[in-house]
Each structure stands twice: as C-alpha cells, then as structure tokens.
C-alpha cells in the first residue's frame, strides 16, 4: 500500500505526493488506491438504505481493512454504529474521519452528537465549536452547542447560540423554548413568556412550554389563564402519550 502522510499519499513509483482521494498519480499514472474502495462504499450505502445493516458493516469493515484512514468509510461506519447504539465505537470512527479530514464538517457534527448522547458535554461542545469554525452559519451546530453548554450550566453562552440558531432558522421553535427556560431562570419573566409563546408557533403545542407558561401566568395572578394552559397541556398529553405510557 502507498505511504500516507497527513492526508496525502506518496506514489511508490515516482514519490509524488497526492491527495488521499486521488486514484492515480498525476506524475506517472500509477494506481494509488484499492480498486474496490469506491465500490464497497456504494454497496454499503445500498445495504444501509435497504435495511441490511449487518451487510453494510461488513462491506465497510473490509474497506477499512484495506484503507484504515478512509474518510467516508469511517464516517459511514460511525453512522451505522451510532444508530445501533454503539456510541464508543461510533466515536472512534468519527474521530478517524476528522483526523483524516479536519474540515469535514458533517463528521465533526456527528462526532458532537455522539458525544452528546454519551453524556460527554465538554467533548460535544468542542466538536460543535469546530463545526462553527468551518461554517459559522451551521444552524444545527449552534443549536447543539447551545444544548451542550446549557447542560453544563453555561447559560449566558448557551443563550447566545440559541439566539443565533433562532435567527438563522426562525421556524426552529425549540430554540425559543430553551431561550424561555434560560430567561425564566434569570428572572426575566416577560421575555421568557414571549419565548415560550414563540415555541408554540407553527402548530407545535409543546407540553413543557405550556407548563412553563402556566407557571408564569399564575405568578402574575392570572389563575384562569394558568388553568386554561394546564387544560391544554392535559389534552396534549392525551394525544401524545409518554414512552412509559405506550409500553404499559
């Protein structure tokens, strides 16, 4: 196999450095990659889309046996492992992908999501910050970074990124819900009320927003309004049972 150096590959015939994605040496024409790599990537994708996860994993593992630092192969296998709940293994492959390509923004994002679900908020935040270094307008990364910061109690910076998320994608109403929670904790009740009400727009009657709004209404002396919101919350709960209620 050709020698790989920091995202490049050295042609064993003439010594010219080429990108790892290059199939042929531009200097002498020598084939640089395993001819089956691209076919395995495509076949793994087909298996995955048709619900054959085990076969997809086998193809990707064969690919990575031949080319351990393959960017797309590691990212795709990371996705499969993530959806199977194998977070530590998924993280390992996402890390390989971003090591091989430091500007692969989607791999940084998926790495952050995996860390988030693993409960490692500092590492999740680091991955989402890297996304924003690459693309400052990556709305989902702003939102996810805000969540990671929120869970670490860094409310001021979390608020900043929730606000950026809501600005970049106004219809993303859950950012308004979290802004409402932060403002409520900081004692800015009227601002919190407006944010909770925004989170109910677009036909999304979020149970938590209704509950927070009812608390604010009651604190303002509007008991009738609070009771009405709790009634709406009860109706929402009947239409959308919790997972434990569904299992029972």
C-alpha atoms as a PDB file:
ATOM      1  CA  UNK A   1       0.000   0.000   0.000  1.00  0.00           C
ATOM      2  CA  UNK A   2       1.199   3.557  -0.702  1.00  0.00           C
ATOM      3  CA  UNK A   3       2.642   5.585   2.175  1.00  0.00           C
ATOM      4  CA  UNK A   4       0.123   8.072   3.667  1.00  0.00           C
ATOM      5  CA  UNK A   5       1.361  11.338   5.248  1.00  0.00           C
ATOM      6  CA  UNK A   6      -1.047  13.863   6.876  1.00  0.00           C
ATOM      7  CA  UNK A   7      -3.941  13.374   4.476  1.00  0.00           C
ATOM      8  CA  UNK A   8      -1.693  12.736   1.468  1.00  0.00           C
ATOM      9  CA  UNK A   9      -0.326   9.621  -0.180  1.00  0.00           C
ATOM     10  CA  UNK A  10       3.136   9.097  -1.693  1.00  0.00           C
ATOM     11  CA  UNK A  11       3.352   7.329  -5.020  1.00  0.00           C
ATOM     12  CA  UNK A  12       5.584   4.266  -4.572  1.00  0.00           C
ATOM     13  CA  UNK A  13       6.818   4.589  -8.153  1.00  0.00           C
ATOM     14  CA  UNK A  14       7.825   8.252  -8.514  1.00  0.00           C
ATOM     15  CA  UNK A  15       7.491   9.615  -4.965  1.00  0.00           C
ATOM     16  CA  UNK A  16       4.995  12.380  -5.849  1.00  0.00           C
ATOM     17  CA  UNK A  17       2.569  13.351  -3.045  1.00  0.00           C
ATOM     18  CA  UNK A  18      -1.125  13.212  -3.930  1.00  0.00           C
ATOM     19  CA  UNK A  19      -4.386  13.680  -2.021  1.00  0.00           C
ATOM     20  CA  UNK A  20      -5.663  10.507  -0.369  1.00  0.00           C
ATOM     21  CA  UNK A  21      -8.814  10.686  -2.521  1.00  0.00           C
ATOM     22  CA  UNK A  22      -6.782  10.581  -5.759  1.00  0.00           C
ATOM     23  CA  UNK A  23      -6.997   7.283  -7.584  1.00  0.00           C
ATOM     24  CA  UNK A  24      -4.000   7.833  -9.875  1.00  0.00           C
ATOM     25  CA  UNK A  25      -0.661   9.579  -9.549  1.00  0.00           C
ATOM     26  CA  UNK A  26      -0.729  12.724 -11.686  1.00  0.00           C
ATOM     27  CA  UNK A  27       3.009  12.371 -12.344  1.00  0.00           C
ATOM     28  CA  UNK A  28       3.400   8.779 -13.516  1.00  0.00           C
ATOM     29  CA  UNK A  29      -0.157   7.420 -13.696  1.00  0.00           C
ATOM     30  CA  UNK A  30       0.293   4.630 -11.149  1.00  0.00           C
ATOM     31  CA  UNK A  31      -2.936   3.431  -9.496  1.00  0.00           C
ATOM     32  CA  UNK A  32      -2.829   4.610  -5.870  1.00  0.00           C
ATOM     33  CA  UNK A  33      -5.900   3.060  -4.272  1.00  0.00           C
ATOM     34  CA  UNK A  34      -7.563  -0.293  -3.881  1.00  0.00           C
ATOM     35  CA  UNK A  35      -9.881  -0.595  -6.880  1.00  0.00           C
ATOM     36  CA  UNK A  36     -12.686  -1.944  -4.682  1.00  0.00           C
ATOM     37  CA  UNK A  37     -12.832   1.036  -2.273  1.00  0.00           C
ATOM     38  CA  UNK A  38     -15.431   3.099  -4.110  1.00  0.00           C
ATOM     39  CA  UNK A  39     -17.495   0.025  -4.973  1.00  0.00           C
ATOM     40  CA  UNK A  40     -17.563  -1.026  -1.324  1.00  0.00           C
ATOM     41  CA  UNK A  41     -18.681   2.456  -0.240  1.00  0.00           C
ATOM     42  CA  UNK A  42     -21.540   2.385  -2.722  1.00  0.00           C
ATOM     43  CA  UNK A  43     -22.553  -1.170  -1.862  1.00  0.00           C
ATOM     44  CA  UNK A  44     -22.510  -0.377   1.863  1.00  0.00           C
ATOM     45  CA  UNK A  45     -24.754   2.619   1.233  1.00  0.00           C
ATOM     46  CA  UNK A  46     -27.206   0.462  -0.728  1.00  0.00           C
ATOM     47  CA  UNK A  47     -27.262  -2.150   2.044  1.00  0.00           C
ATOM     48  CA  UNK A  48     -27.860   0.553   4.649  1.00  0.00           C
ATOM     49  CA  UNK A  49     -30.714   2.172   2.734  1.00  0.00           C
ATOM     50  CA  UNK A  50     -32.389  -1.186   2.243  1.00  0.00           C
ATOM     51  CA  UNK A  51     -32.145  -2.061   5.929  1.00  0.00           C
ATOM     52  CA  UNK A  52     -29.300  -4.582   5.735  1.00  0.00           C
ATOM     53  CA  UNK A  53     -27.141  -3.101   8.458  1.00  0.00           C
ATOM     54  CA  UNK A  54     -25.016  -6.193   9.054  1.00  0.00           C
ATOM     55  CA  UNK A  55     -24.069  -6.438   5.388  1.00  0.00           C
ATOM     56  CA  UNK A  56     -23.319  -2.693   5.269  1.00  0.00           C
ATOM     57  CA  UNK A  57     -20.994  -3.027   8.256  1.00  0.00           C
ATOM     58  CA  UNK A  58     -19.188  -5.960   6.648  1.00  0.00           C
ATOM     59  CA  UNK A  59     -18.531  -4.008   3.455  1.00  0.00           C
ATOM     60  CA  UNK A  60     -17.263  -1.001   5.378  1.00  0.00           C
ATOM     61  CA  UNK A  61     -15.040  -3.144   7.577  1.00  0.00           C
ATOM     62  CA  UNK A  62     -13.500  -4.778   4.515  1.00  0.00           C
ATOM     63  CA  UNK A  63     -12.961  -1.293   3.077  1.00  0.00           C
ATOM     64  CA  UNK A  64     -11.256  -0.061   6.229  1.00  0.00           C
ATOM     65  CA  UNK A  65      -9.110  -3.180   6.449  1.00  0.00           C
ATOM     66  CA  UNK A  66      -7.653  -2.105   3.107  1.00  0.00           C
ATOM     67  CA  UNK A  67      -7.660   1.653   3.801  1.00  0.00           C
ATOM     68  CA  UNK A  68      -7.926   2.348   7.571  1.00  0.00           C
ATOM     69  CA  UNK A  69      -7.967   6.151   7.200  1.00  0.00           C
ATOM     70  CA  UNK A  70     -10.654   6.301   4.522  1.00  0.00           C
ATOM     71  CA  UNK A  71     -12.681   9.381   5.429  1.00  0.00           C
ATOM     72  CA  UNK A  72     -16.064   8.403   4.036  1.00  0.00           C
ATOM     73  CA  UNK A  73     -15.757   4.786   5.153  1.00  0.00           C
ATOM     74  CA  UNK A  74     -15.076   5.784   8.759  1.00  0.00           C
ATOM     75  CA  UNK A  75     -17.885   8.331   8.751  1.00  0.00           C
ATOM     76  CA  UNK A  76     -20.387   5.915   7.244  1.00  0.00           C
ATOM     77  CA  UNK A  77     -19.440   3.136   9.662  1.00  0.00           C
ATOM     78  CA  UNK A  78     -19.674   5.634  12.513  1.00  0.00           C
ATOM     79  CA  UNK A  79     -23.238   6.419  11.473  1.00  0.00           C
ATOM     80  CA  UNK A  80     -24.188   2.741  11.397  1.00  0.00           C
ATOM     81  CA  UNK A  81     -22.696   2.139  14.831  1.00  0.00           C
ATOM     82  CA  UNK A  82     -24.378   5.245  16.244  1.00  0.00           C
ATOM     83  CA  UNK A  83     -27.813   4.080  15.103  1.00  0.00           C
ATOM     84  CA  UNK A  84     -27.137   0.697  16.696  1.00  0.00           C
ATOM     85  CA  UNK A  85     -26.387   2.426  19.995  1.00  0.00           C
ATOM     86  CA  UNK A  86     -22.666   1.555  19.923  1.00  0.00           C
ATOM     87  CA  UNK A  87     -21.587   5.065  20.806  1.00  0.00           C
ATOM     88  CA  UNK A  88     -17.987   4.430  21.813  1.00  0.00           C
ATOM     89  CA  UNK A  89     -17.262   2.598  18.571  1.00  0.00           C
ATOM     90  CA  UNK A  90     -19.068   5.294  16.572  1.00  0.00           C
ATOM     91  CA  UNK A  91     -16.971   7.980  18.260  1.00  0.00           C
ATOM     92  CA  UNK A  92     -13.773   6.107  17.361  1.00  0.00           C
ATOM     93  CA  UNK A  93     -14.670   6.090  13.658  1.00  0.00           C
ATOM     94  CA  UNK A  94     -15.877   9.693  13.623  1.00  0.00           C
ATOM     95  CA  UNK A  95     -12.564  10.686  15.203  1.00  0.00           C
ATOM     96  CA  UNK A  96     -10.687   8.819  12.496  1.00  0.00           C
ATOM     97  CA  UNK A  97     -12.710  10.657   9.859  1.00  0.00           C
ATOM     98  CA  UNK A  98     -11.993  14.119  11.276  1.00  0.00           C
ATOM     99  CA  UNK A  99      -8.338  13.246  11.806  1.00  0.00           C
ATOM    100  CA  UNK A 100      -8.056  12.354   8.141  1.00  0.00           C
ATOM    101  CA  UNK A 101     -10.012  15.447   7.062  1.00  0.00           C
ATOM    102  CA  UNK A 102     -10.031  18.306   9.564  1.00  0.00           C
ATOM    103  CA  UNK A 103     -12.570  20.315   7.513  1.00  0.00           C
ATOM    104  CA  UNK A 104     -15.151  17.506   7.121  1.00  0.00           C
ATOM    105  CA  UNK A 105     -17.858  19.459   8.905  1.00  0.00           C
ATOM    106  CA  UNK A 106     -20.505  16.724   8.915  1.00  0.00           C
ATOM    107  CA  UNK A 107     -18.143  14.287  10.646  1.00  0.00           C
ATOM    108  CA  UNK A 108     -17.368  16.898  13.323  1.00  0.00           C
ATOM    109  CA  UNK A 109     -21.106  17.432  13.800  1.00  0.00           C
ATOM    110  CA  UNK A 110     -21.885  13.711  14.068  1.00  0.00           C
ATOM    111  CA  UNK A 111     -18.971  13.311  16.476  1.00  0.00           C
ATOM    112  CA  UNK A 112     -20.522  16.034  18.630  1.00  0.00           C
ATOM    113  CA  UNK A 113     -23.926  14.338  18.558  1.00  0.00           C
ATOM    114  CA  UNK A 114     -22.361  11.032  19.599  1.00  0.00           C
ATOM    115  CA  UNK A 115     -20.525  12.679  22.494  1.00  0.00           C
ATOM    116  CA  UNK A 116     -23.767  14.436  23.473  1.00  0.00           C
ATOM    117  CA  UNK A 117     -25.675  11.153  23.637  1.00  0.00           C
ATOM    118  CA  UNK A 118     -22.747   9.632  25.507  1.00  0.00           C
ATOM    119  CA  UNK A 119     -23.205  12.377  28.118  1.00  0.00           C
ATOM    120  CA  UNK A 120     -19.802  13.949  27.461  1.00  0.00           C
ATOM    121  CA  UNK A 121     -20.858  17.586  27.110  1.00  0.00           C
ATOM    122  CA  UNK A 122     -17.357  19.163  27.061  1.00  0.00           C
ATOM    123  CA  UNK A 123     -16.246  16.993  24.134  1.00  0.00           C
ATOM    124  CA  UNK A 124     -19.594  17.548  22.404  1.00  0.00           C
ATOM    125  CA  UNK A 125     -19.131  21.300  22.726  1.00  0.00           C
ATOM    126  CA  UNK A 126     -15.608  21.048  21.311  1.00  0.00           C
ATOM    127  CA  UNK A 127     -16.868  19.175  18.241  1.00  0.00           C
ATOM    128  CA  UNK A 128     -19.699  21.651  17.621  1.00  0.00           C
ATOM    129  CA  UNK A 129     -17.303  24.581  18.008  1.00  0.00           C
ATOM    130  CA  UNK A 130     -15.137  23.004  15.336  1.00  0.00           C
ATOM    131  CA  UNK A 131     -18.190  22.844  13.056  1.00  0.00           C
ATOM    132  CA  UNK A 132     -18.714  26.559  13.563  1.00  0.00           C
ATOM    133  CA  UNK A 133     -15.046  27.291  12.893  1.00  0.00           C
ATOM    134  CA  UNK A 134     -15.587  25.680   9.487  1.00  0.00           C
ATOM    135  CA  UNK A 135     -19.067  27.103   8.844  1.00  0.00           C
ATOM    136  CA  UNK A 136     -20.224  29.905  11.198  1.00  0.00           C
ATOM    137  CA  UNK A 137     -23.777  29.696   9.798  1.00  0.00           C
ATOM    138  CA  UNK A 138     -24.258  25.998  10.567  1.00  0.00           C
ATOM    139  CA  UNK A 139     -27.580  26.371  12.379  1.00  0.00           C
ATOM    140  CA  UNK A 140     -27.782  22.831  13.776  1.00  0.00           C
ATOM    141  CA  UNK A 141     -24.292  23.201  15.271  1.00  0.00           C
ATOM    142  CA  UNK A 142     -25.322  26.444  17.004  1.00  0.00           C
ATOM    143  CA  UNK A 143     -28.347  24.672  18.476  1.00  0.00           C
ATOM    144  CA  UNK A 144     -26.420  21.581  19.558  1.00  0.00           C
ATOM    145  CA  UNK A 145     -23.592  23.653  21.030  1.00  0.00           C
ATOM    146  CA  UNK A 146     -26.175  25.646  22.966  1.00  0.00           C
ATOM    147  CA  UNK A 147     -27.643  22.412  24.368  1.00  0.00           C
ATOM    148  CA  UNK A 148     -24.220  21.139  25.433  1.00  0.00           C
ATOM    149  CA  UNK A 149     -23.461  24.466  27.134  1.00  0.00           C
ATOM    150  CA  UNK A 150     -26.919  24.539  28.748  1.00  0.00           C
ATOM    151  CA  UNK A 151     -26.345  21.127  30.333  1.00  0.00           C
ATOM    152  CA  UNK A 152     -23.024  22.378  31.711  1.00  0.00           C
ATOM    153  CA  UNK A 153     -24.730  25.388  33.299  1.00  0.00           C
ATOM    154  CA  UNK A 154     -23.064  27.883  30.950  1.00  0.00           C
ATOM    155  CA  UNK A 155     -26.306  29.750  30.397  1.00  0.00           C
ATOM    156  CA  UNK A 156     -25.005  33.043  29.018  1.00  0.00           C
ATOM    157  CA  UNK A 157     -23.098  31.425  26.154  1.00  0.00           C
ATOM    158  CA  UNK A 158     -25.881  28.895  25.614  1.00  0.00           C
ATOM    159  CA  UNK A 159     -28.340  31.783  25.225  1.00  0.00           C
ATOM    160  CA  UNK A 160     -26.075  33.367  22.616  1.00  0.00           C
ATOM    161  CA  UNK A 161     -26.066  30.240  20.471  1.00  0.00           C
ATOM    162  CA  UNK A 162     -29.797  29.571  20.903  1.00  0.00           C
ATOM    163  CA  UNK A 163     -30.385  33.138  19.710  1.00  0.00           C
ATOM    164  CA  UNK A 164     -28.133  32.599  16.692  1.00  0.00           C
ATOM    165  CA  UNK A 165     -29.977  29.375  15.915  1.00  0.00           C
ATOM    166  CA  UNK A 166     -33.352  31.119  16.121  1.00  0.00           C
ATOM    167  CA  UNK A 167     -32.070  33.968  13.931  1.00  0.00           C
ATOM    168  CA  UNK A 168     -30.643  31.695  11.251  1.00  0.00           C
ATOM    169  CA  UNK A 169     -33.722  29.456  11.198  1.00  0.00           C
ATOM    170  CA  UNK A 170     -36.712  31.342  12.688  1.00  0.00           C
ATOM    171  CA  UNK A 171     -39.063  28.390  12.318  1.00  0.00           C
ATOM    172  CA  UNK A 172     -36.843  26.266  14.576  1.00  0.00           C
ATOM    173  CA  UNK A 173     -39.146  26.753  17.531  1.00  0.00           C
ATOM    174  CA  UNK A 174     -37.330  24.567  20.067  1.00  0.00           C
ATOM    175  CA  UNK A 175     -34.583  27.178  20.285  1.00  0.00           C
ATOM    176  CA  UNK A 176     -37.247  29.559  21.595  1.00  0.00           C
ATOM    177  CA  UNK A 177     -38.296  27.024  24.231  1.00  0.00           C
ATOM    178  CA  UNK A 178     -34.763  26.781  25.603  1.00  0.00           C
ATOM    179  CA  UNK A 179     -34.394  30.555  25.487  1.00  0.00           C
ATOM    180  CA  UNK A 180     -37.551  30.739  27.559  1.00  0.00           C
ATOM    181  CA  UNK A 181     -36.082  28.382  30.160  1.00  0.00           C
ATOM    182  CA  UNK A 182     -32.879  30.428  30.403  1.00  0.00           C
ATOM    183  CA  UNK A 183     -34.697  33.756  30.719  1.00  0.00           C
ATOM    184  CA  UNK A 184     -37.032  32.246  33.312  1.00  0.00           C
ATOM    185  CA  UNK A 185     -34.052  31.071  35.379  1.00  0.00           C
ATOM    186  CA  UNK A 186     -32.516  34.524  35.118  1.00  0.00           C
ATOM    187  CA  UNK A 187     -35.736  36.160  36.333  1.00  0.00           C
ATOM    188  CA  UNK A 188     -36.639  37.810  33.013  1.00  0.00           C
ATOM    189  CA  UNK A 189     -40.218  36.566  33.213  1.00  0.00           C
ATOM    190  CA  UNK A 190     -41.749  38.664  30.456  1.00  0.00           C
ATOM    191  CA  UNK A 191     -39.017  37.773  27.969  1.00  0.00           C
ATOM    192  CA  UNK A 192     -39.382  34.110  28.961  1.00  0.00           C
ATOM    193  CA  UNK A 193     -43.142  34.305  28.336  1.00  0.00           C
ATOM    194  CA  UNK A 194     -42.590  35.639  24.811  1.00  0.00           C
ATOM    195  CA  UNK A 195     -40.085  32.902  24.038  1.00  0.00           C
ATOM    196  CA  UNK A 196     -42.382  30.128  25.315  1.00  0.00           C
ATOM    197  CA  UNK A 197     -45.203  31.538  23.203  1.00  0.00           C
ATOM    198  CA  UNK A 198     -42.902  31.552  20.165  1.00  0.00           C
ATOM    199  CA  UNK A 199     -42.162  27.890  20.821  1.00  0.00           C
ATOM    200  CA  UNK A 200     -45.883  27.166  20.416  1.00  0.00           C
ATOM    201  CA  UNK A 201     -45.990  28.640  16.915  1.00  0.00           C
ATOM    202  CA  UNK A 202     -46.141  26.599  13.710  1.00  0.00           C
ATOM    203  CA  UNK A 203     -48.784  24.381  15.332  1.00  0.00           C
ATOM    204  CA  UNK A 204     -46.306  22.899  17.804  1.00  0.00           C
ATOM    205  CA  UNK A 205     -48.077  22.646  21.166  1.00  0.00           C
ATOM    206  CA  UNK A 206     -45.094  21.623  23.265  1.00  0.00           C
ATOM    207  CA  UNK A 207     -46.088  20.274  26.664  1.00  0.00           C
ATOM    208  CA  UNK A 208     -43.181  21.824  28.559  1.00  0.00           C
ATOM    209  CA  UNK A 209     -43.828  25.275  27.077  1.00  0.00           C
ATOM    210  CA  UNK A 210     -47.467  25.110  28.151  1.00  0.00           C
ATOM    211  CA  UNK A 211     -46.424  24.139  31.659  1.00  0.00           C
ATOM    212  CA  UNK A 212     -43.871  26.963  31.966  1.00  0.00           C
ATOM    213  CA  UNK A 213     -46.374  29.478  30.614  1.00  0.00           C
ATOM    214  CA  UNK A 214     -48.952  28.333  33.174  1.00  0.00           C
ATOM    215  CA  UNK A 215     -46.440  28.947  35.990  1.00  0.00           C
ATOM    216  CA  UNK A 216     -45.734  32.439  34.676  1.00  0.00           C
ATOM    217  CA  UNK A 217     -49.446  33.237  34.350  1.00  0.00           C
ATOM    218  CA  UNK A 218     -50.115  32.056  37.896  1.00  0.00           C
ATOM    219  CA  UNK A 219     -47.184  34.068  39.261  1.00  0.00           C
ATOM    220  CA  UNK A 220     -48.703  37.126  37.548  1.00  0.00           C
ATOM    221  CA  UNK A 221     -52.036  36.474  39.273  1.00  0.00           C
ATOM    222  CA  UNK A 222     -53.802  35.143  36.156  1.00  0.00           C
ATOM    223  CA  UNK A 223     -55.155  31.926  37.649  1.00  0.00           C
ATOM    224  CA  UNK A 224     -57.788  31.472  34.952  1.00  0.00           C
ATOM    225  CA  UNK A 225     -55.172  31.781  32.224  1.00  0.00           C
ATOM    226  CA  UNK A 226     -52.905  29.342  34.063  1.00  0.00           C
ATOM    227  CA  UNK A 227     -55.720  26.805  34.390  1.00  0.00           C
ATOM    228  CA  UNK A 228     -56.505  27.111  30.666  1.00  0.00           C
ATOM    229  CA  UNK A 229     -52.886  26.400  29.767  1.00  0.00           C
ATOM    230  CA  UNK A 230     -52.818  23.375  32.061  1.00  0.00           C
ATOM    231  CA  UNK A 231     -56.019  22.129  30.414  1.00  0.00           C
ATOM    232  CA  UNK A 232     -54.316  22.437  27.015  1.00  0.00           C
ATOM    233  CA  UNK A 233     -51.281  20.629  28.415  1.00  0.00           C
ATOM    234  CA  UNK A 234     -53.549  17.801  29.605  1.00  0.00           C
ATOM    235  CA  UNK A 235     -55.117  17.486  26.160  1.00  0.00           C
ATOM    236  CA  UNK A 236     -51.657  17.458  24.576  1.00  0.00           C
ATOM    237  CA  UNK A 237     -50.576  14.699  26.955  1.00  0.00           C
ATOM    238  CA  UNK A 238     -53.542  12.524  25.964  1.00  0.00           C
ATOM    239  CA  UNK A 239     -52.744  12.978  22.256  1.00  0.00           C
ATOM    240  CA  UNK A 240     -49.032  12.362  22.786  1.00  0.00           C
ATOM    241  CA  UNK A 241     -48.516   9.713  25.489  1.00  0.00           C
ATOM    242  CA  UNK A 242     -45.094   9.222  27.014  1.00  0.00           C
ATOM    243  CA  UNK A 243     -42.976   6.183  26.161  1.00  0.00           C
ATOM    244  CA  UNK A 244     -43.760   4.558  29.515  1.00  0.00           C
ATOM    245  CA  UNK A 245     -47.481   5.010  28.937  1.00  0.00           C
ATOM    246  CA  UNK A 246     -47.211   3.437  25.496  1.00  0.00           C
ATOM    247  CA  UNK A 247     -45.339   0.410  26.934  1.00  0.00           C
ATOM    248  CA  UNK A 248     -47.943  -0.081  29.661  1.00  0.00           C
END
